[in-house]
Structure formats: structure tokens, C-alpha cells
């Protein structure tokens, strides 16, 4: 949600600014009137609006169509989905040197 404040000489002008920038879904949360120098009146409104949706990718389509494209490319390359294959065995770990405490305990037991 986007929150913004607008200031104008009249409430109508402040609402016009908000609707132009945030669109028709904008909601007025608060209004305040302030007196400035020389007796000028300023109206301040706080407005909330939903965040705009991010644009679709430039080539268009939806995530479902992208997945279908990926699956088709995998099939063309002869790659199978990962779900049916077992995971490869883990790589062997290099033996780590014994810790300092292990050496102390070994020395005490000897």
C-alpha cells in the first residue's frame, strides 16, 4: 500500500492531485487544515492506494506460460524432470584433522 500526503489551497484541488497520481482506487485517510503566514489556508490530505502490479515481462506471458516454455525446452534437449530421478550420492568429505580437545583426550587416555 502506498501512503502519500498532498497539500493544496482547497480540498477539491488536493483530491484532484491525489486522483491524478494514484488513480481512482485512492482512499482519503485524513484531512487537515493549516493556517500559514498572511492568513493563507492550506488543506493537507493523507491518501492510501494499492501498489501497482509490476509489468509483465516484455515478451509477455504469465509464469505458467514460462514454465510451459521451460518444460518444452527440457524435452527438446532430452532432459527429464528432476522429480523422478534419485539424487546423486554426496561427494566424499575430506577427513578433517582432529580437534584440539580430541588430541587432549587422546593424550590423557594414553
PDB file of N, CA and C in Angstrom:
ATOM      1  N   UNK A   1       0.846  -1.169   0.000  1.00  0.00           N
ATOM      2  CA  UNK A   1       0.000   0.000   0.000  1.00  0.00           C
ATOM      3  C   UNK A   1       0.897   1.240   0.000  1.00  0.00           C
ATOM      4  N   UNK A   2       0.490   2.220  -0.742  1.00  0.00           N
ATOM      5  CA  UNK A   2       1.240   3.476  -0.850  1.00  0.00           C
ATOM      6  C   UNK A   2       0.516   4.532  -0.028  1.00  0.00           C
ATOM      7  N   UNK A   3       1.244   5.264   0.814  1.00  0.00           N
ATOM      8  CA  UNK A   3       0.693   6.389   1.569  1.00  0.00           C
ATOM      9  C   UNK A   3       1.370   7.662   1.093  1.00  0.00           C
ATOM     10  N   UNK A   4       0.559   8.683   0.795  1.00  0.00           N
ATOM     11  CA  UNK A   4       1.112   9.964   0.347  1.00  0.00           C
ATOM     12  C   UNK A   4       0.306  11.099   0.950  1.00  0.00           C
ATOM     13  N   UNK A   5       0.955  12.263   1.040  1.00  0.00           N
ATOM     14  CA  UNK A   5       0.282  13.484   1.500  1.00  0.00           C
ATOM     15  C   UNK A   5       0.276  14.500   0.373  1.00  0.00           C
ATOM     16  N   UNK A   6      -0.832  15.206   0.271  1.00  0.00           N
ATOM     17  CA  UNK A   6      -0.975  16.250  -0.743  1.00  0.00           C
ATOM     18  C   UNK A   6      -1.418  17.516  -0.038  1.00  0.00           C
ATOM     19  N   UNK A   7      -0.839  18.653  -0.479  1.00  0.00           N
ATOM     20  CA  UNK A   7      -1.203  19.962   0.061  1.00  0.00           C
ATOM     21  C   UNK A   7      -1.676  20.838  -1.079  1.00  0.00           C
ATOM     22  N   UNK A   8      -2.778  21.569  -0.832  1.00  0.00           N
ATOM     23  CA  UNK A   8      -3.316  22.480  -1.842  1.00  0.00           C
ATOM     24  C   UNK A   8      -4.132  23.556  -1.130  1.00  0.00           C
ATOM     25  N   UNK A   9      -4.548  24.566  -1.885  1.00  0.00           N
ATOM     26  CA  UNK A   9      -5.332  25.664  -1.309  1.00  0.00           C
ATOM     27  C   UNK A   9      -6.745  25.208  -0.967  1.00  0.00           C
ATOM     28  N   UNK A  10      -7.273  24.239  -1.709  1.00  0.00           N
ATOM     29  CA  UNK A  10      -8.627  23.752  -1.442  1.00  0.00           C
ATOM     30  C   UNK A  10      -8.623  22.223  -1.372  1.00  0.00           C
ATOM     31  N   UNK A  11      -9.650  21.687  -0.743  1.00  0.00           N
ATOM     32  CA  UNK A  11      -9.791  20.244  -0.651  1.00  0.00           C
ATOM     33  C   UNK A  11      -9.982  19.636  -2.038  1.00  0.00           C
ATOM     34  N   UNK A  12     -10.755  20.293  -2.879  1.00  0.00           N
ATOM     35  CA  UNK A  12     -11.004  19.783  -4.234  1.00  0.00           C
ATOM     36  C   UNK A  12      -9.703  19.668  -5.022  1.00  0.00           C
ATOM     37  N   UNK A  13      -8.846  20.666  -4.897  1.00  0.00           N
ATOM     38  CA  UNK A  13      -7.565  20.648  -5.620  1.00  0.00           C
ATOM     39  C   UNK A  13      -6.648  19.525  -5.094  1.00  0.00           C
ATOM     40  N   UNK A  14      -6.630  19.325  -3.771  1.00  0.00           N
ATOM     41  CA  UNK A  14      -5.806  18.259  -3.187  1.00  0.00           C
ATOM     42  C   UNK A  14      -6.314  16.889  -3.643  1.00  0.00           C
ATOM     43  N   UNK A  15      -7.639  16.711  -3.668  1.00  0.00           N
ATOM     44  CA  UNK A  15      -8.212  15.451  -4.134  1.00  0.00           C
ATOM     45  C   UNK A  15      -7.897  15.215  -5.611  1.00  0.00           C
ATOM     46  N   UNK A  16      -7.943  16.260  -6.396  1.00  0.00           N
ATOM     47  CA  UNK A  16      -7.623  16.154  -7.824  1.00  0.00           C
ATOM     48  C   UNK A  16      -6.176  15.689  -8.022  1.00  0.00           C
ATOM     49  N   UNK A  17      -5.254  16.248  -7.249  1.00  0.00           N
ATOM     50  CA  UNK A  17      -3.853  15.845  -7.341  1.00  0.00           C
ATOM     51  C   UNK A  17      -3.690  14.363  -6.992  1.00  0.00           C
ATOM     52  N   UNK A  18      -4.368  13.940  -5.918  1.00  0.00           N
ATOM     53  CA  UNK A  18      -4.259  12.549  -5.481  1.00  0.00           C
ATOM     54  C   UNK A  18      -4.826  11.597  -6.525  1.00  0.00           C
ATOM     55  N   UNK A  19      -5.985  11.909  -7.073  1.00  0.00           N
ATOM     56  CA  UNK A  19      -6.611  11.028  -8.063  1.00  0.00           C
ATOM     57  C   UNK A  19      -5.786  10.958  -9.349  1.00  0.00           C
ATOM     58  N   UNK A  20      -5.169  12.067  -9.738  1.00  0.00           N
ATOM     59  CA  UNK A  20      -4.339  12.055 -10.947  1.00  0.00           C
ATOM     60  C   UNK A  20      -3.120  11.153 -10.771  1.00  0.00           C
ATOM     61  N   UNK A  21      -2.518  11.205  -9.582  1.00  0.00           N
ATOM     62  CA  UNK A  21      -1.299  10.440  -9.370  1.00  0.00           C
ATOM     63  C   UNK A  21      -1.557   8.988  -8.974  1.00  0.00           C
ATOM     64  N   UNK A  22      -2.546   8.747  -8.096  1.00  0.00           N
ATOM     65  CA  UNK A  22      -2.746   7.415  -7.545  1.00  0.00           C
ATOM     66  C   UNK A  22      -3.912   6.648  -8.160  1.00  0.00           C
ATOM     67  N   UNK A  23      -4.746   7.313  -8.934  1.00  0.00           N
ATOM     68  CA  UNK A  23      -5.844   6.618  -9.595  1.00  0.00           C
ATOM     69  C   UNK A  23      -7.124   6.633  -8.782  1.00  0.00           C
ATOM     70  N   UNK A  24      -8.179   6.034  -9.348  1.00  0.00           N
ATOM     71  CA  UNK A  24      -9.496   6.095  -8.712  1.00  0.00           C
ATOM     72  C   UNK A  24      -9.628   5.233  -7.457  1.00  0.00           C
ATOM     73  N   UNK A  25      -8.710   4.289  -7.225  1.00  0.00           N
ATOM     74  CA  UNK A  25      -8.801   3.442  -6.032  1.00  0.00           C
ATOM     75  C   UNK A  25      -8.256   4.116  -4.781  1.00  0.00           C
ATOM     76  N   UNK A  26      -7.721   5.312  -4.904  1.00  0.00           N
ATOM     77  CA  UNK A  26      -7.117   6.003  -3.758  1.00  0.00           C
ATOM     78  C   UNK A  26      -8.175   6.315  -2.705  1.00  0.00           C
ATOM     79  N   UNK A  27      -7.801   6.116  -1.441  1.00  0.00           N
ATOM     80  CA  UNK A  27      -8.696   6.378  -0.313  1.00  0.00           C
ATOM     81  C   UNK A  27      -8.127   7.492   0.553  1.00  0.00           C
ATOM     82  N   UNK A  28      -8.981   8.422   0.946  1.00  0.00           N
ATOM     83  CA  UNK A  28      -8.554   9.510   1.825  1.00  0.00           C
ATOM     84  C   UNK A  28      -8.600   8.994   3.255  1.00  0.00           C
ATOM     85  N   UNK A  29      -7.465   9.048   3.930  1.00  0.00           N
ATOM     86  CA  UNK A  29      -7.377   8.578   5.314  1.00  0.00           C
ATOM     87  C   UNK A  29      -7.555   9.707   6.317  1.00  0.00           C
ATOM     88  N   UNK A  30      -7.084  10.910   5.973  1.00  0.00           N
ATOM     89  CA  UNK A  30      -7.173  12.028   6.910  1.00  0.00           C
ATOM     90  C   UNK A  30      -7.127  13.347   6.145  1.00  0.00           C
ATOM     91  N   UNK A  31      -7.776  14.352   6.719  1.00  0.00           N
ATOM     92  CA  UNK A  31      -7.698  15.716   6.171  1.00  0.00           C
ATOM     93  C   UNK A  31      -7.364  16.669   7.312  1.00  0.00           C
ATOM     94  N   UNK A  32      -6.554  17.660   7.009  1.00  0.00           N
ATOM     95  CA  UNK A  32      -6.196  18.686   7.990  1.00  0.00           C
ATOM     96  C   UNK A  32      -6.167  20.033   7.292  1.00  0.00           C
ATOM     97  N   UNK A  33      -6.501  21.066   8.041  1.00  0.00           N
ATOM     98  CA  UNK A  33      -6.421  22.422   7.518  1.00  0.00           C
ATOM     99  C   UNK A  33      -5.423  23.194   8.368  1.00  0.00           C
ATOM    100  N   UNK A  34      -4.476  23.849   7.703  1.00  0.00           N
ATOM    101  CA  UNK A  34      -3.440  24.622   8.395  1.00  0.00           C
ATOM    102  C   UNK A  34      -3.537  26.080   7.963  1.00  0.00           C
ATOM    103  N   UNK A  35      -3.223  26.972   8.879  1.00  0.00           N
ATOM    104  CA  UNK A  35      -3.131  28.406   8.565  1.00  0.00           C
ATOM    105  C   UNK A  35      -1.650  28.748   8.406  1.00  0.00           C
ATOM    106  N   UNK A  36      -1.318  29.331   7.303  1.00  0.00           N
ATOM    107  CA  UNK A  36       0.068  29.730   7.042  1.00  0.00           C
ATOM    108  C   UNK A  36       0.216  31.234   7.257  1.00  0.00           C
ATOM    109  N   UNK A  37       1.377  31.725   6.954  1.00  0.00           N
ATOM    110  CA  UNK A  37       1.646  33.161   7.092  1.00  0.00           C
ATOM    111  C   UNK A  37       0.675  33.961   6.228  1.00  0.00           C
ATOM    112  N   UNK A  38       0.362  35.145   6.653  1.00  0.00           N
ATOM    113  CA  UNK A  38      -0.547  36.053   5.958  1.00  0.00           C
ATOM    114  C   UNK A  38      -1.965  35.498   5.859  1.00  0.00           C
ATOM    115  N   UNK A  39      -2.301  34.557   6.729  1.00  0.00           N
ATOM    116  CA  UNK A  39      -3.660  34.032   6.765  1.00  0.00           C
ATOM    117  C   UNK A  39      -4.008  33.059   5.651  1.00  0.00           C
ATOM    118  N   UNK A  40      -3.013  32.575   4.917  1.00  0.00           N
ATOM    119  CA  UNK A  40      -3.290  31.622   3.847  1.00  0.00           C
ATOM    120  C   UNK A  40      -3.700  30.276   4.440  1.00  0.00           C
ATOM    121  N   UNK A  41      -4.703  29.674   3.845  1.00  0.00           N
ATOM    122  CA  UNK A  41      -5.186  28.371   4.315  1.00  0.00           C
ATOM    123  C   UNK A  41      -4.649  27.280   3.398  1.00  0.00           C
ATOM    124  N   UNK A  42      -4.160  26.198   4.000  1.00  0.00           N
ATOM    125  CA  UNK A  42      -3.643  25.063   3.236  1.00  0.00           C
ATOM    126  C   UNK A  42      -4.349  23.802   3.732  1.00  0.00           C
ATOM    127  N   UNK A  43      -4.860  23.028   2.790  1.00  0.00           N
ATOM    128  CA  UNK A  43      -5.501  21.760   3.115  1.00  0.00           C
ATOM    129  C   UNK A  43      -4.496  20.651   2.833  1.00  0.00           C
ATOM    130  N   UNK A  44      -4.346  19.740   3.800  1.00  0.00           N
ATOM    131  CA  UNK A  44      -3.444  18.597   3.632  1.00  0.00           C
ATOM    132  C   UNK A  44      -4.273  17.326   3.775  1.00  0.00           C
ATOM    133  N   UNK A  45      -4.131  16.431   2.790  1.00  0.00           N
ATOM    134  CA  UNK A  45      -4.833  15.149   2.880  1.00  0.00           C
ATOM    135  C   UNK A  45      -3.811  14.021   2.854  1.00  0.00           C
ATOM    136  N   UNK A  46      -4.114  12.961   3.576  1.00  0.00           N
ATOM    137  CA  UNK A  46      -3.306  11.745   3.558  1.00  0.00           C
ATOM    138  C   UNK A  46      -4.111  10.707   2.798  1.00  0.00           C
ATOM    139  N   UNK A  47      -3.496  10.130   1.778  1.00  0.00           N
ATOM    140  CA  UNK A  47      -4.196   9.231   0.870  1.00  0.00           C
ATOM    141  C   UNK A  47      -3.457   7.895   0.804  1.00  0.00           C
ATOM    142  N   UNK A  48      -4.216   6.799   0.714  1.00  0.00           N
ATOM    143  CA  UNK A  48      -3.652   5.458   0.557  1.00  0.00           C
ATOM    144  C   UNK A  48      -4.156   4.876  -0.754  1.00  0.00           C
ATOM    145  N   UNK A  49      -3.283   4.115  -1.423  1.00  0.00           N
ATOM    146  CA  UNK A  49      -3.655   3.442  -2.669  1.00  0.00           C
ATOM    147  C   UNK A  49      -2.905   2.129  -2.743  1.00  0.00           C
ATOM    148  N   UNK A  50      -3.495   1.118  -3.400  1.00  0.00           N
ATOM    149  CA  UNK A  50      -2.770  -0.144  -3.546  1.00  0.00           C
ATOM    150  C   UNK A  50      -1.559   0.034  -4.433  1.00  0.00           C
ATOM    151  N   UNK A  51      -0.522  -0.770  -4.182  1.00  0.00           N
ATOM    152  CA  UNK A  51       0.675  -0.709  -5.025  1.00  0.00           C
ATOM    153  C   UNK A  51       0.329  -1.185  -6.427  1.00  0.00           C
ATOM    154  N   UNK A  52       0.883  -0.545  -7.435  1.00  0.00           N
ATOM    155  CA  UNK A  52       0.622  -1.015  -8.803  1.00  0.00           C
ATOM    156  C   UNK A  52       1.286  -2.369  -9.028  1.00  0.00           C
ATOM    157  N   UNK A  53       0.667  -3.196  -9.854  1.00  0.00           N
ATOM    158  CA  UNK A  53       1.242  -4.503 -10.178  1.00  0.00           C
ATOM    159  C   UNK A  53       2.462  -4.301 -11.053  1.00  0.00           C
ATOM    160  N   UNK A  54       3.504  -5.090 -10.837  1.00  0.00           N
ATOM    161  CA  UNK A  54       4.674  -4.965 -11.710  1.00  0.00           C
ATOM    162  C   UNK A  54       4.293  -5.375 -13.133  1.00  0.00           C
ATOM    163  N   UNK A  55       4.879  -4.745 -14.123  1.00  0.00           N
ATOM    164  CA  UNK A  55       4.532  -5.076 -15.504  1.00  0.00           C
ATOM    165  C   UNK A  55       4.954  -6.495 -15.862  1.00  0.00           C
ATOM    166  N   UNK A  56       4.204  -7.101 -16.780  1.00  0.00           N
ATOM    167  CA  UNK A  56       4.568  -8.428 -17.270  1.00  0.00           C
ATOM    168  C   UNK A  56       5.907  -8.312 -17.996  1.00  0.00           C
ATOM    169  N   UNK A  57       6.579  -9.436 -18.152  1.00  0.00           N
ATOM    170  CA  UNK A  57       7.843  -9.405 -18.874  1.00  0.00           C
ATOM    171  C   UNK A  57       7.607  -8.827 -20.258  1.00  0.00           C
ATOM    172  N   UNK A  58       8.629  -8.223 -20.823  1.00  0.00           N
ATOM    173  CA  UNK A  58       8.479  -7.528 -22.098  1.00  0.00           C
ATOM    174  C   UNK A  58       7.981  -8.439 -23.206  1.00  0.00           C
ATOM    175  N   UNK A  59       8.359  -9.711 -23.167  1.00  0.00           N
ATOM    176  CA  UNK A  59       7.901 -10.587 -24.222  1.00  0.00           C
ATOM    177  C   UNK A  59       6.491 -11.089 -23.943  1.00  0.00           C
ATOM    178  N   UNK A  60       5.951 -10.715 -22.794  1.00  0.00           N
ATOM    179  CA  UNK A  60       4.581 -11.057 -22.460  1.00  0.00           C
ATOM    180  C   UNK A  60       4.476 -12.420 -21.814  1.00  0.00           C
ATOM    181  N   UNK A  61       3.263 -12.790 -21.511  1.00  0.00           N
ATOM    182  CA  UNK A  61       3.028 -14.097 -20.939  1.00  0.00           C
ATOM    183  C   UNK A  61       2.927 -14.061 -19.429  1.00  0.00           C
ATOM    184  N   UNK A  62       2.612 -15.210 -18.906  1.00  0.00           N
ATOM    185  CA  UNK A  62       2.452 -15.355 -17.464  1.00  0.00           C
ATOM    186  C   UNK A  62       3.460 -16.382 -16.959  1.00  0.00           C
ATOM    187  N   UNK A  63       3.611 -16.511 -15.648  1.00  0.00           N
ATOM    188  CA  UNK A  63       4.539 -17.520 -15.129  1.00  0.00           C
ATOM    189  C   UNK A  63       4.198 -18.935 -15.604  1.00  0.00           C
ATOM    190  N   UNK A  64       2.903 -19.225 -15.769  1.00  0.00           N
ATOM    191  CA  UNK A  64       2.519 -20.556 -16.249  1.00  0.00           C
ATOM    192  C   UNK A  64       3.048 -20.792 -17.663  1.00  0.00           C
ATOM    193  N   UNK A  65       2.963 -19.757 -18.514  1.00  0.00           N
ATOM    194  CA  UNK A  65       3.466 -19.924 -19.880  1.00  0.00           C
ATOM    195  C   UNK A  65       4.988 -20.049 -19.888  1.00  0.00           C
ATOM    196  N   UNK A  66       5.661 -19.384 -18.955  1.00  0.00           N
ATOM    197  CA  UNK A  66       7.125 -19.504 -18.875  1.00  0.00           C
ATOM    198  C   UNK A  66       7.499 -20.920 -18.479  1.00  0.00           C
ATOM    199  N   UNK A  67       6.755 -21.503 -17.511  1.00  0.00           N
ATOM    200  CA  UNK A  67       7.037 -22.878 -17.102  1.00  0.00           C
ATOM    201  C   UNK A  67       6.818 -23.847 -18.256  1.00  0.00           C
ATOM    202  N   UNK A  68       5.756 -23.627 -19.029  1.00  0.00           N
ATOM    203  CA  UNK A  68       5.494 -24.497 -20.177  1.00  0.00           C
ATOM    204  C   UNK A  68       6.638 -24.394 -21.183  1.00  0.00           C
ATOM    205  N   UNK A  69       7.155 -23.187 -21.378  1.00  0.00           N
ATOM    206  CA  UNK A  69       8.284 -22.971 -22.287  1.00  0.00           C
ATOM    207  C   UNK A  69       9.536 -23.707 -21.794  1.00  0.00           C
ATOM    208  N   UNK A  70       9.789 -23.649 -20.503  1.00  0.00           N
ATOM    209  CA  UNK A  70      10.958 -24.320 -19.930  1.00  0.00           C
ATOM    210  C   UNK A  70      10.821 -25.831 -20.077  1.00  0.00           C
ATOM    211  N   UNK A  71       9.618 -26.351 -19.794  1.00  0.00           N
ATOM    212  CA  UNK A  71       9.400 -27.795 -19.926  1.00  0.00           C
ATOM    213  C   UNK A  71       9.596 -28.244 -21.368  1.00  0.00           C
ATOM    214  N   UNK A  72       9.108 -27.451 -22.337  1.00  0.00           N
ATOM    215  CA  UNK A  72       9.265 -27.803 -23.748  1.00  0.00           C
ATOM    216  C   UNK A  72      10.746 -27.805 -24.127  1.00  0.00           C
ATOM    217  N   UNK A  73      11.515 -26.833 -23.647  1.00  0.00           N
ATOM    218  CA  UNK A  73      12.947 -26.765 -23.949  1.00  0.00           C
ATOM    219  C   UNK A  73      13.673 -27.964 -23.337  1.00  0.00           C
ATOM    220  N   UNK A  74      13.309 -28.334 -22.114  1.00  0.00           N
ATOM    221  CA  UNK A  74      13.934 -29.509 -21.478  1.00  0.00           C
ATOM    222  C   UNK A  74      13.635 -30.772 -22.271  1.00  0.00           C
ATOM    223  N   UNK A  75      12.388 -30.889 -22.771  1.00  0.00           N
ATOM    224  CA  UNK A  75      12.017 -32.072 -23.561  1.00  0.00           C
ATOM    225  C   UNK A  75      12.808 -32.109 -24.869  1.00  0.00           C
ATOM    226  N   UNK A  76      12.997 -30.939 -25.523  1.00  0.00           N
ATOM    227  CA  UNK A  76      13.777 -30.882 -26.769  1.00  0.00           C
ATOM    228  C   UNK A  76      15.217 -31.308 -26.545  1.00  0.00           C
ATOM    229  N   UNK A  77      15.758 -30.981 -25.367  1.00  0.00           N
ATOM    230  CA  UNK A  77      17.147 -31.319 -25.045  1.00  0.00           C
ATOM    231  C   UNK A  77      17.289 -32.726 -24.475  1.00  0.00           C
ATOM    232  N   UNK A  78      16.168 -33.394 -24.257  1.00  0.00           N
ATOM    233  CA  UNK A  78      16.216 -34.746 -23.719  1.00  0.00           C
ATOM    234  C   UNK A  78      16.447 -34.793 -22.221  1.00  0.00           C
ATOM    235  N   UNK A  79      16.163 -33.726 -21.533  1.00  0.00           N
ATOM    236  CA  UNK A  79      16.318 -33.691 -20.077  1.00  0.00           C
ATOM    237  C   UNK A  79      15.001 -34.068 -19.430  1.00  0.00           C
ATOM    238  N   UNK A  80      15.077 -34.918 -18.418  1.00  0.00           N
ATOM    239  CA  UNK A  80      13.871 -35.336 -17.725  1.00  0.00           C
ATOM    240  C   UNK A  80      13.667 -34.473 -16.488  1.00  0.00           C
ATOM    241  N   UNK A  81      12.427 -34.402 -16.016  1.00  0.00           N
ATOM    242  CA  UNK A  81      12.191 -33.656 -14.776  1.00  0.00           C
ATOM    243  C   UNK A  81      12.958 -34.277 -13.617  1.00  0.00           C
ATOM    244  N   UNK A  82      13.352 -33.487 -12.689  1.00  0.00           N
ATOM    245  CA  UNK A  82      14.166 -33.920 -11.563  1.00  0.00           C
ATOM    246  C   UNK A  82      13.377 -34.797 -10.586  1.00  0.00           C
ATOM    247  N   UNK A  83      12.059 -34.664 -10.538  1.00  0.00           N
ATOM    248  CA  UNK A  83      11.255 -35.326  -9.513  1.00  0.00           C
ATOM    249  C   UNK A  83      11.386 -36.847  -9.564  1.00  0.00           C
ATOM    250  N   UNK A  84      11.548 -37.446 -10.769  1.00  0.00           N
ATOM    251  CA  UNK A  84      11.574 -38.888 -10.876  1.00  0.00           C
ATOM    252  C   UNK A  84      12.931 -39.514 -10.637  1.00  0.00           C
ATOM    253  N   UNK A  85      13.991 -38.729 -10.663  1.00  0.00           N
ATOM    254  CA  UNK A  85      15.344 -39.269 -10.529  1.00  0.00           C
ATOM    255  C   UNK A  85      15.822 -39.193  -9.090  1.00  0.00           C
ATOM    256  N   UNK A  86      16.584 -40.209  -8.650  1.00  0.00           N
ATOM    257  CA  UNK A  86      17.147 -40.111  -7.300  1.00  0.00           C
ATOM    258  C   UNK A  86      18.296 -39.105  -7.292  1.00  0.00           C
ATOM    259  N   UNK A  87      18.542 -38.554  -6.146  1.00  0.00           N
ATOM    260  CA  UNK A  87      19.654 -37.614  -6.002  1.00  0.00           C
ATOM    261  C   UNK A  87      20.978 -38.361  -6.073  1.00  0.00           C
ATOM    262  N   UNK A  88      22.008 -37.744  -6.626  1.00  0.00           N
ATOM    263  CA  UNK A  88      23.318 -38.396  -6.656  1.00  0.00           C
ATOM    264  C   UNK A  88      23.860 -38.521  -5.235  1.00  0.00           C
ATOM    265  N   UNK A  89      24.751 -39.492  -5.009  1.00  0.00           N
ATOM    266  CA  UNK A  89      25.306 -39.631  -3.651  1.00  0.00           C
ATOM    267  C   UNK A  89      26.140 -38.400  -3.312  1.00  0.00           C
ATOM    268  N   UNK A  90      26.231 -38.079  -2.038  1.00  0.00           N
ATOM    269  CA  UNK A  90      27.014 -36.899  -1.657  1.00  0.00           C
ATOM    270  C   UNK A  90      28.500 -37.117  -1.947  1.00  0.00           C
ATOM    271  N   UNK A  91      29.169 -36.036  -2.228  1.00  0.00           N
ATOM    272  CA  UNK A  91      30.602 -36.092  -2.507  1.00  0.00           C
ATOM    273  C   UNK A  91      31.344 -36.489  -1.232  1.00  0.00           C
ATOM    274  N   UNK A  92      32.418 -37.287  -1.366  1.00  0.00           N
ATOM    275  CA  UNK A  92      33.151 -37.685  -0.159  1.00  0.00           C
ATOM    276  C   UNK A  92      33.802 -36.473   0.501  1.00  0.00           C
ATOM    277  N   UNK A  93      33.736 -36.466   1.813  1.00  0.00           N
ATOM    278  CA  UNK A  93      34.299 -35.375   2.594  1.00  0.00           C
ATOM    279  C   UNK A  93      35.753 -35.681   2.925  1.00  0.00           C
ATOM    280  N   UNK A  94      36.590 -34.696   2.839  1.00  0.00           N
ATOM    281  CA  UNK A  94      37.983 -34.869   3.239  1.00  0.00           C
ATOM    282  C   UNK A  94      38.025 -34.987   4.758  1.00  0.00           C
ATOM    283  N   UNK A  95      38.862 -35.872   5.243  1.00  0.00           N
ATOM    284  CA  UNK A  95      38.978 -36.061   6.689  1.00  0.00           C
ATOM    285  C   UNK A  95      39.569 -34.806   7.309  1.00  0.00           C
ATOM    286  N   UNK A  96      38.873 -34.287   8.304  1.00  0.00           N
ATOM    287  CA  UNK A  96      39.391 -33.096   8.964  1.00  0.00           C
ATOM    288  C   UNK A  96      40.345 -33.510  10.071  1.00  0.00           C
ATOM    289  N   UNK A  97      41.323 -32.682  10.373  1.00  0.00           N
ATOM    290  CA  UNK A  97      42.261 -33.030  11.441  1.00  0.00           C
ATOM    291  C   UNK A  97      41.516 -33.084  12.772  1.00  0.00           C
ATOM    292  N   UNK A  98      41.971 -33.896  13.690  1.00  0.00           N
ATOM    293  CA  UNK A  98      41.286 -33.985  14.984  1.00  0.00           C
ATOM    294  C   UNK A  98      41.338 -32.637  15.691  1.00  0.00           C
ATOM    295  N   UNK A  99      40.278 -32.378  16.417  1.00  0.00           N
ATOM    296  CA  UNK A  99      40.219 -31.102  17.131  1.00  0.00           C
ATOM    297  C   UNK A  99      41.226 -31.103  18.280  1.00  0.00           C
ATOM    298  N   UNK A 100      41.452 -29.940  18.811  1.00  0.00           N
ATOM    299  CA  UNK A 100      42.400 -29.783  19.907  1.00  0.00           C
ATOM    300  C   UNK A 100      41.944 -30.595  21.108  1.00  0.00           C
ATOM    301  N   UNK A 101      40.658 -30.587  21.407  1.00  0.00           N
ATOM    302  CA  UNK A 101      40.138 -31.322  22.559  1.00  0.00           C
ATOM    303  C   UNK A 101      40.258 -32.825  22.340  1.00  0.00           C
ATOM    304  N   UNK A 102      40.075 -33.265  21.118  1.00  0.00           N
ATOM    305  CA  UNK A 102      40.227 -34.689  20.814  1.00  0.00           C
ATOM    306  C   UNK A 102      41.668 -35.121  21.077  1.00  0.00           C
ATOM    307  N   UNK A 103      42.622 -34.280  20.676  1.00  0.00           N
ATOM    308  CA  UNK A 103      44.035 -34.603  20.922  1.00  0.00           C
ATOM    309  C   UNK A 103      44.334 -34.639  22.417  1.00  0.00           C
ATOM    310  N   UNK A 104      43.750 -33.726  23.176  1.00  0.00           N
ATOM    311  CA  UNK A 104      43.970 -33.699  24.629  1.00  0.00           C
ATOM    312  C   UNK A 104      43.409 -34.953  25.274  1.00  0.00           C
ATOM    313  N   UNK A 105      42.175 -35.327  24.884  1.00  0.00           N
ATOM    314  CA  UNK A 105      41.552 -36.518  25.458  1.00  0.00           C
ATOM    315  C   UNK A 105      42.351 -37.759  25.086  1.00  0.00           C
ATOM    316  N   UNK A 106      42.787 -37.845  23.834  1.00  0.00           N
ATOM    317  CA  UNK A 106      43.603 -38.992  23.410  1.00  0.00           C
ATOM    318  C   UNK A 106      44.902 -39.054  24.220  1.00  0.00           C
ATOM    319  N   UNK A 107      45.509 -37.906  24.463  1.00  0.00           N
ATOM    320  CA  UNK A 107      46.760 -37.881  25.213  1.00  0.00           C
ATOM    321  C   UNK A 107      46.530 -38.306  26.661  1.00  0.00           C
ATOM    322  N   UNK A 108      45.405 -37.911  27.261  1.00  0.00           N
ATOM    323  CA  UNK A 108      45.118 -38.294  28.646  1.00  0.00           C
ATOM    324  C   UNK A 108      44.810 -39.787  28.765  1.00  0.00           C
ATOM    325  N   UNK A 109      44.163 -40.351  27.736  1.00  0.00           N
ATOM    326  CA  UNK A 109      43.815 -41.767  27.780  1.00  0.00           C
ATOM    327  C   UNK A 109      45.027 -42.651  27.544  1.00  0.00           C
ATOM    328  N   UNK A 110      46.050 -42.134  26.906  1.00  0.00           N
ATOM    329  CA  UNK A 110      47.216 -42.966  26.598  1.00  0.00           C
ATOM    330  C   UNK A 110      48.090 -43.181  27.781  1.00  0.00           C
TER     331      UNK A 110
END
